[in-house]
Amino acid sequence: MIQEIARFSIDPADAAAFEAAVAQAVPHFHSAPGCRSFALERSVDRRGHYMLVVGWDSVDAHMVDFRGSDGFQAWRALVGPFFKSAPDVDHVEPAVQGF
């Protein structure tokens, strides 16, 4: 399994509406083939900064299957208007497990 880490910033005044929009999008990820987990993390140090952490079976499950789906279009329609700029996205896999 890999994780998609997407970092983005929004206007802090829109935080409640943004988080509500992300919550509305959860079913689109939950029903996506190859999607194993979904979490939105809010920065406590920098207002308006978030990280989306999504577990996928593979990079292709995210970049090919999900990105080509109606679920992705619905996700972007819900949250895209809040983004100050395009999200910065990485795919990561475990390298060292500490504890």
C-alpha atoms as a PDB file:
ATOM      1  CA  MET A   1       0.000   0.000   0.000  1.00  0.00           C
ATOM      2  CA  ILE A   2       1.117   3.549  -0.708  1.00  0.00           C
ATOM      3  CA  GLN A   3      -0.120   6.817   0.717  1.00  0.00           C
ATOM      4  CA  GLU A   4      -1.005   9.926  -1.196  1.00  0.00           C
ATOM      5  CA  ILE A   5       0.002  13.033   0.744  1.00  0.00           C
ATOM      6  CA  ALA A   6      -1.602  16.196  -0.655  1.00  0.00           C
ATOM      7  CA  ARG A   7      -0.689  19.528   0.930  1.00  0.00           C
ATOM      8  CA  PHE A   8      -2.784  22.605   0.345  1.00  0.00           C
ATOM      9  CA  SER A   9      -3.733  25.907   1.853  1.00  0.00           C
ATOM     10  CA  ILE A  10      -7.027  27.730   2.013  1.00  0.00           C
ATOM     11  CA  ASP A  11      -8.249  31.007   3.460  1.00  0.00           C
ATOM     12  CA  PRO A  12      -8.519  30.341   7.218  1.00  0.00           C
ATOM     13  CA  ALA A  13     -11.895  32.127   7.241  1.00  0.00           C
ATOM     14  CA  ASP A  14     -13.217  29.284   5.053  1.00  0.00           C
ATOM     15  CA  ALA A  15     -11.986  26.450   7.293  1.00  0.00           C
ATOM     16  CA  ALA A  16     -15.398  25.250   8.525  1.00  0.00           C
ATOM     17  CA  ALA A  17     -16.921  25.267   5.032  1.00  0.00           C
ATOM     18  CA  PHE A  18     -13.846  23.559   3.576  1.00  0.00           C
ATOM     19  CA  GLU A  19     -13.875  20.804   6.189  1.00  0.00           C
ATOM     20  CA  ALA A  20     -17.596  20.273   5.582  1.00  0.00           C
ATOM     21  CA  ALA A  21     -16.921  19.952   1.841  1.00  0.00           C
ATOM     22  CA  VAL A  22     -14.182  17.386   2.484  1.00  0.00           C
ATOM     23  CA  ALA A  23     -16.570  15.416   4.696  1.00  0.00           C
ATOM     24  CA  GLN A  24     -19.088  15.391   1.831  1.00  0.00           C
ATOM     25  CA  ALA A  25     -16.410  13.952  -0.445  1.00  0.00           C
ATOM     26  CA  VAL A  26     -15.569  10.969   1.785  1.00  0.00           C
ATOM     27  CA  PRO A  27     -18.041   8.603   0.051  1.00  0.00           C
ATOM     28  CA  HIS A  28     -16.323   9.228  -3.301  1.00  0.00           C
ATOM     29  CA  PHE A  29     -13.053   7.935  -1.869  1.00  0.00           C
ATOM     30  CA  HIS A  30     -14.675   5.155   0.148  1.00  0.00           C
ATOM     31  CA  SER A  31     -16.261   3.694  -2.971  1.00  0.00           C
ATOM     32  CA  ALA A  32     -13.141   4.077  -5.136  1.00  0.00           C
ATOM     33  CA  PRO A  33     -11.477   0.783  -6.069  1.00  0.00           C
ATOM     34  CA  GLY A  34      -8.099   0.523  -4.373  1.00  0.00           C
ATOM     35  CA  CYS A  35      -8.749   3.230  -1.772  1.00  0.00           C
ATOM     36  CA  ARG A  36      -7.998   1.905   1.723  1.00  0.00           C
ATOM     37  CA  SER A  37      -8.000   4.944   4.032  1.00  0.00           C
ATOM     38  CA  PHE A  38      -8.789   8.658   4.066  1.00  0.00           C
ATOM     39  CA  ALA A  39      -7.934  11.424   6.529  1.00  0.00           C
ATOM     40  CA  LEU A  40      -7.723  15.203   6.441  1.00  0.00           C
ATOM     41  CA  GLU A  41      -5.136  16.645   8.816  1.00  0.00           C
ATOM     42  CA  ARG A  42      -5.257  20.314   9.897  1.00  0.00           C
ATOM     43  CA  SER A  43      -2.037  22.123  10.801  1.00  0.00           C
ATOM     44  CA  VAL A  44      -1.975  23.443  14.351  1.00  0.00           C
ATOM     45  CA  ASP A  45       0.993  25.685  13.537  1.00  0.00           C
ATOM     46  CA  ARG A  46      -0.186  27.324  10.307  1.00  0.00           C
ATOM     47  CA  ARG A  47      -3.828  28.324   9.996  1.00  0.00           C
ATOM     48  CA  GLY A  48      -5.399  27.342   6.697  1.00  0.00           C
ATOM     49  CA  HIS A  49      -2.849  24.589   5.942  1.00  0.00           C
ATOM     50  CA  TYR A  50      -3.988  20.990   5.499  1.00  0.00           C
ATOM     51  CA  MET A  51      -2.704  17.583   4.500  1.00  0.00           C
ATOM     52  CA  LEU A  52      -4.892  14.970   2.913  1.00  0.00           C
ATOM     53  CA  VAL A  53      -3.586  11.461   3.588  1.00  0.00           C
ATOM     54  CA  VAL A  54      -5.148   8.716   1.474  1.00  0.00           C
ATOM     55  CA  GLY A  55      -4.120   5.065   1.427  1.00  0.00           C
ATOM     56  CA  TRP A  56      -4.159   3.395  -1.991  1.00  0.00           C
ATOM     57  CA  ASP A  57      -3.335  -0.098  -3.208  1.00  0.00           C
ATOM     58  CA  SER A  58      -1.026   1.467  -5.810  1.00  0.00           C
ATOM     59  CA  VAL A  59      -0.100   4.740  -7.475  1.00  0.00           C
ATOM     60  CA  ASP A  60      -2.198   3.653 -10.466  1.00  0.00           C
ATOM     61  CA  ALA A  61      -5.247   3.168  -8.233  1.00  0.00           C
ATOM     62  CA  HIS A  62      -4.957   6.860  -7.443  1.00  0.00           C
ATOM     63  CA  MET A  63      -3.522   8.446 -10.579  1.00  0.00           C
ATOM     64  CA  VAL A  64      -5.270   6.342 -13.231  1.00  0.00           C
ATOM     65  CA  ASP A  65      -8.394   4.798 -11.741  1.00  0.00           C
ATOM     66  CA  PHE A  66      -9.520   7.481  -9.280  1.00  0.00           C
ATOM     67  CA  ARG A  67      -8.327  10.491 -11.273  1.00  0.00           C
ATOM     68  CA  GLY A  68     -10.295   9.226 -14.261  1.00  0.00           C
ATOM     69  CA  SER A  69     -13.483   8.708 -12.273  1.00  0.00           C
ATOM     70  CA  ASP A  70     -16.637  10.696 -11.629  1.00  0.00           C
ATOM     71  CA  GLY A  71     -15.691  10.537  -7.932  1.00  0.00           C
ATOM     72  CA  PHE A  72     -12.573  12.608  -8.599  1.00  0.00           C
ATOM     73  CA  GLN A  73     -14.597  15.163 -10.533  1.00  0.00           C
ATOM     74  CA  ALA A  74     -17.047  15.393  -7.617  1.00  0.00           C
ATOM     75  CA  TRP A  75     -14.138  15.778  -5.143  1.00  0.00           C
ATOM     76  CA  ARG A  76     -12.619  18.629  -7.117  1.00  0.00           C
ATOM     77  CA  ALA A  77     -15.991  20.335  -7.548  1.00  0.00           C
ATOM     78  CA  LEU A  78     -16.515  20.231  -3.777  1.00  0.00           C
ATOM     79  CA  VAL A  79     -13.084  21.370  -2.595  1.00  0.00           C
ATOM     80  CA  GLY A  80     -11.334  22.935  -5.584  1.00  0.00           C
ATOM     81  CA  PRO A  81     -12.847  26.394  -5.083  1.00  0.00           C
ATOM     82  CA  PHE A  82     -11.182  26.605  -1.645  1.00  0.00           C
ATOM     83  CA  PHE A  83      -7.592  25.972  -2.848  1.00  0.00           C
ATOM     84  CA  LYS A  84      -5.292  29.007  -2.936  1.00  0.00           C
ATOM     85  CA  SER A  85      -3.081  27.090  -5.381  1.00  0.00           C
ATOM     86  CA  ALA A  86      -2.826  23.601  -6.809  1.00  0.00           C
ATOM     87  CA  PRO A  87      -2.170  20.917  -4.183  1.00  0.00           C
ATOM     88  CA  ASP A  88       1.364  19.576  -3.793  1.00  0.00           C
ATOM     89  CA  VAL A  89       1.016  15.781  -4.040  1.00  0.00           C
ATOM     90  CA  ASP A  90       3.457  12.990  -3.197  1.00  0.00           C
ATOM     91  CA  HIS A  91       3.065   9.230  -3.073  1.00  0.00           C
ATOM     92  CA  VAL A  92       4.984   7.609  -0.244  1.00  0.00           C
ATOM     93  CA  GLU A  93       5.692   4.107   1.014  1.00  0.00           C
ATOM     94  CA  PRO A  94       7.125   2.946   4.323  1.00  0.00           C
ATOM     95  CA  ALA A  95      10.906   3.089   4.571  1.00  0.00           C
ATOM     96  CA  VAL A  96      11.541   2.634   8.303  1.00  0.00           C
ATOM     97  CA  GLN A  97       8.974   1.556  10.889  1.00  0.00           C
ATOM     98  CA  GLY A  98      10.089   2.763  14.319  1.00  0.00           C
ATOM     99  CA  PHE A  99       7.302   1.714  16.694  1.00  0.00           C
END
